[in-house]
Amino acid sequence: MVRRSRQIALSYPFAAPAAVFSIWENGLTETIASRALGSLTLKLRLKWRNDLDRFIRVFVTGLGVGYLPLAPGTWASLATLLPVLSVHWLFPLHETMVLGSLVALLTFPAVVFSTRFSRSEGDPDPSKIVIDEILGQMLCLLFVPVSAVSLGAGFLLFRFFDIVKPFPVRSSEKLPGGMGIVCDDLIAGLYAGLCLKILIWLVG
């Protein structure tokens, strides 16, 4: 259970305290008991923080896929096939470069936002976080041309390595914060992508 760590009262010269903040240990959520109108700056700052928290929640849960029942990671891997197909249709000659750019651009915010969200949940690796499965599945499909066969085989291979967690996938989960959440899926995606490339090469 997340506990309140402290209260902060903001006051202004010749005025009563404008607000009392309840700051929680997770650093993500806060409640406010307004005692006066407060300043516009304070209100805008709080609105920005609330909007940021909502954005982080949408980002790390894969637009809400992480809230699906039973196996949100599997649902997220399956849902990732749609944007991969979209990249294939829109950029057929540059799909590898576009997918690789997406993985590179999204990895850092995935680590940072996963760290913040996991602290808010009081769980080092919440099942609601599925941005790691999305990135791992994309990385897997970087190694081969996109087709019905590569999508199906890539999905199954990635789920296999993400569940079995061969070395060093499982040990990478012990990395702190979002690093441990994201890195194990990236390594699983790398394993799956290499196996997928070899498999497609063997069957021609």
Protein backbone atom coordinates (compact mmCIF):
# COMPACT_ATOMS: atom_id res chain seq x y z
CA MET A 1 0.00 0.00 0.00
CA VAL A 2 1.36 3.43 -0.97
CA ARG A 3 1.64 5.81 1.96
CA ARG A 4 1.65 9.56 2.17
CA SER A 5 5.13 10.72 2.97
CA ARG A 6 4.61 14.41 3.72
CA GLN A 7 2.37 17.42 3.36
CA ILE A 8 3.44 20.78 1.92
CA ALA A 9 1.51 24.01 2.50
CA LEU A 10 2.15 26.75 -0.04
CA SER A 11 1.57 30.29 1.22
CA TYR A 12 1.94 33.77 -0.19
CA PRO A 13 2.81 37.09 1.51
CA PHE A 14 -0.10 38.58 3.47
CA ALA A 15 -2.37 35.67 2.49
CA ALA A 16 -3.58 32.41 3.90
CA PRO A 17 -2.05 29.17 2.58
CA ALA A 18 -3.17 28.69 -1.01
CA ALA A 19 -3.11 24.92 -1.00
CA VAL A 20 -2.06 21.86 0.94
CA PHE A 21 -0.38 19.11 -1.04
CA SER A 22 -0.41 15.44 -0.07
CA ILE A 23 2.77 14.06 -1.61
CA TRP A 24 2.78 10.27 -1.95
CA GLU A 25 5.77 7.97 -1.75
CA ASN A 26 5.44 6.89 -5.37
CA GLY A 27 6.00 10.47 -6.51
CA LEU A 28 3.32 10.15 -9.16
CA THR A 29 -0.04 11.06 -7.67
CA GLU A 30 -1.01 13.86 -5.35
CA THR A 31 -4.16 15.31 -3.84
CA ILE A 32 -4.87 18.94 -3.15
CA ALA A 33 -7.07 20.54 -0.51
CA SER A 34 -7.52 24.10 -1.73
CA ARG A 35 -7.80 26.78 0.95
CA ALA A 36 -7.87 29.70 -1.42
CA LEU A 37 -8.03 30.37 -5.12
CA GLY A 38 -4.31 29.81 -5.56
CA SER A 39 -2.25 31.13 -8.43
CA LEU A 40 -2.69 30.48 -12.12
CA THR A 41 0.87 29.16 -12.27
CA LEU A 42 0.11 26.57 -9.62
CA LYS A 43 -3.02 25.42 -11.43
CA LEU A 44 -1.24 25.17 -14.77
CA ARG A 45 1.60 23.23 -13.19
CA LEU A 46 -0.79 20.76 -11.63
CA LYS A 47 -2.71 20.37 -14.90
CA TRP A 48 0.53 19.72 -16.76
CA ARG A 49 1.54 17.09 -14.22
CA ASN A 50 -1.83 15.33 -14.42
CA ASP A 51 -1.71 15.41 -18.22
CA LEU A 52 1.81 13.98 -18.14
CA ASP A 53 0.70 11.17 -15.84
CA ARG A 54 -2.16 10.31 -18.19
CA PHE A 55 0.20 10.33 -21.18
CA ILE A 56 2.65 8.04 -19.37
CA ARG A 57 -0.16 5.62 -18.52
CA VAL A 58 -1.36 5.52 -22.14
CA PHE A 59 2.21 5.12 -23.42
CA VAL A 60 3.39 2.29 -21.17
CA THR A 61 0.11 0.36 -21.45
CA GLY A 62 0.19 0.46 -25.25
CA LEU A 63 -2.93 2.64 -25.66
CA GLY A 64 -4.67 0.59 -22.99
CA VAL A 65 -3.75 -2.88 -24.27
CA GLY A 66 -2.06 -3.54 -20.92
CA TYR A 67 -5.47 -3.53 -19.25
CA LEU A 68 -6.73 -6.48 -21.28
CA PRO A 69 -7.33 -9.63 -19.19
CA LEU A 70 -5.34 -12.88 -18.88
CA ALA A 71 -2.17 -12.17 -20.88
CA PRO A 72 -1.65 -8.47 -21.65
CA GLY A 73 1.89 -9.11 -22.92
CA THR A 74 0.61 -11.56 -25.52
CA TRP A 75 -2.13 -9.15 -26.56
CA ALA A 76 0.47 -6.39 -26.92
CA SER A 77 2.74 -8.57 -29.09
CA LEU A 78 -0.22 -9.45 -31.28
CA ALA A 79 -1.33 -5.81 -31.52
CA THR A 80 2.20 -4.80 -32.58
CA LEU A 81 1.76 -6.71 -35.83
CA LEU A 82 -0.70 -4.03 -37.01
CA PRO A 83 1.73 -1.07 -36.91
CA VAL A 84 4.44 -3.31 -38.38
CA LEU A 85 2.11 -4.12 -41.29
CA SER A 86 1.29 -0.42 -41.64
CA VAL A 87 4.99 0.42 -41.91
CA HIS A 88 5.36 -2.33 -44.52
CA TRP A 89 2.53 -0.89 -46.62
CA LEU A 90 3.58 2.75 -46.28
CA PHE A 91 7.35 2.28 -46.60
CA PRO A 92 7.88 -1.01 -48.46
CA LEU A 93 11.44 -0.13 -49.46
CA HIS A 94 12.49 1.24 -46.07
CA GLU A 95 10.54 -0.85 -43.56
CA THR A 96 13.69 -2.00 -41.74
CA MET A 97 14.96 1.56 -41.33
CA VAL A 98 11.57 2.85 -40.13
CA LEU A 99 11.03 0.02 -37.64
CA GLY A 100 14.60 0.33 -36.39
CA SER A 101 14.12 4.08 -35.92
CA LEU A 102 10.92 3.49 -33.95
CA VAL A 103 12.64 1.02 -31.64
CA ALA A 104 15.57 3.40 -31.11
CA LEU A 105 13.37 6.44 -30.47
CA LEU A 106 10.93 4.71 -28.13
CA THR A 107 13.39 2.74 -25.98
CA PHE A 108 14.61 5.62 -23.81
CA PRO A 109 11.15 7.03 -22.98
CA ALA A 110 9.97 3.45 -22.40
CA VAL A 111 12.63 2.99 -19.72
CA VAL A 112 11.96 6.36 -18.06
CA PHE A 113 8.17 6.13 -18.14
CA SER A 114 8.13 2.48 -17.04
CA THR A 115 10.21 3.43 -14.01
CA ARG A 116 7.78 6.16 -13.04
CA PHE A 117 4.67 4.07 -13.66
CA SER A 118 6.00 1.06 -11.75
CA ARG A 119 6.70 3.27 -8.74
CA SER A 120 3.16 4.64 -8.89
CA GLU A 121 1.80 1.08 -8.89
CA GLY A 122 4.07 -0.07 -6.06
CA ASP A 123 5.15 -2.99 -8.27
CA PRO A 124 8.64 -3.42 -9.81
CA ASP A 125 7.18 -4.94 -12.99
CA PRO A 126 3.42 -4.34 -13.40
CA SER A 127 1.68 -6.55 -15.96
CA LYS A 128 -0.04 -3.40 -17.27
CA ILE A 129 3.26 -2.22 -18.76
CA VAL A 130 3.40 -3.66 -22.28
CA ILE A 131 5.58 -1.13 -24.10
CA ASP A 132 8.44 -3.59 -23.50
CA GLU A 133 6.63 -6.36 -25.42
CA ILE A 134 5.83 -3.91 -28.21
CA LEU A 135 9.48 -2.93 -28.61
CA GLY A 136 10.68 -6.53 -28.36
CA GLN A 137 8.23 -7.69 -31.02
CA MET A 138 9.26 -4.84 -33.34
CA LEU A 139 12.93 -5.68 -32.83
CA CYS A 140 12.24 -9.32 -33.70
CA LEU A 141 10.69 -8.37 -37.04
CA LEU A 142 13.61 -6.13 -38.04
CA PHE A 143 15.62 -9.10 -39.25
CA VAL A 144 13.42 -10.33 -42.10
CA PRO A 145 11.09 -8.91 -44.77
CA VAL A 146 7.54 -8.46 -43.50
CA SER A 147 5.16 -11.14 -44.74
CA ALA A 148 2.35 -13.30 -43.38
CA VAL A 149 4.88 -16.06 -42.62
CA SER A 150 7.41 -13.80 -40.90
CA LEU A 151 4.71 -12.09 -38.83
CA GLY A 152 3.23 -15.37 -37.62
CA ALA A 153 6.56 -17.07 -36.95
CA GLY A 154 8.01 -13.91 -35.40
CA PHE A 155 5.09 -13.60 -33.03
CA LEU A 156 5.40 -17.21 -31.86
CA LEU A 157 9.18 -17.06 -31.50
CA PHE A 158 9.10 -13.83 -29.53
CA ARG A 159 6.45 -15.15 -27.16
CA PHE A 160 8.52 -18.32 -26.69
CA PHE A 161 11.70 -16.46 -25.74
CA ASP A 162 9.81 -13.92 -23.63
CA ILE A 163 8.21 -16.73 -21.61
CA VAL A 164 11.16 -19.16 -21.39
CA LYS A 165 13.67 -16.34 -20.78
CA PRO A 166 17.02 -17.96 -21.64
CA PHE A 167 20.23 -16.33 -20.43
CA PRO A 168 20.62 -13.38 -20.17
CA VAL A 169 16.92 -12.52 -20.53
CA ARG A 170 15.95 -13.56 -17.01
CA SER A 171 18.99 -12.02 -15.34
CA SER A 172 18.38 -8.69 -17.12
CA GLU A 173 15.06 -8.43 -15.26
CA LYS A 174 17.09 -7.65 -12.13
CA LEU A 175 18.29 -4.35 -13.58
CA PRO A 176 16.83 -1.38 -11.69
CA GLY A 177 13.55 0.28 -12.63
CA GLY A 178 12.52 0.52 -16.24
CA MET A 179 15.84 -0.93 -17.41
CA GLY A 180 14.85 -4.33 -16.07
CA ILE A 181 11.33 -4.01 -17.48
CA VAL A 182 12.43 -3.14 -21.01
CA CYS A 183 15.80 -4.86 -21.50
CA ASP A 184 14.63 -8.43 -21.03
CA ASP A 185 12.08 -8.06 -23.83
CA LEU A 186 14.61 -6.43 -26.14
CA ILE A 187 16.98 -9.35 -25.60
CA ALA A 188 14.12 -11.81 -26.16
CA GLY A 189 13.28 -9.93 -29.36
CA LEU A 190 16.90 -10.18 -30.46
CA TYR A 191 16.94 -13.96 -29.87
CA ALA A 192 13.63 -14.37 -31.69
CA GLY A 193 14.75 -12.23 -34.62
CA LEU A 194 17.97 -14.19 -35.13
CA CYS A 195 16.11 -17.51 -34.96
CA LEU A 196 13.49 -16.17 -37.36
CA LYS A 197 16.17 -15.14 -39.86
CA ILE A 198 17.84 -18.55 -39.66
CA LEU A 199 14.50 -20.35 -40.00
CA ILE A 200 13.46 -18.40 -43.08
CA TRP A 201 16.90 -18.90 -44.60
CA LEU A 202 16.67 -22.67 -44.06
CA VAL A 203 13.22 -22.98 -45.63
CA GLY A 204 14.07 -20.62 -48.46
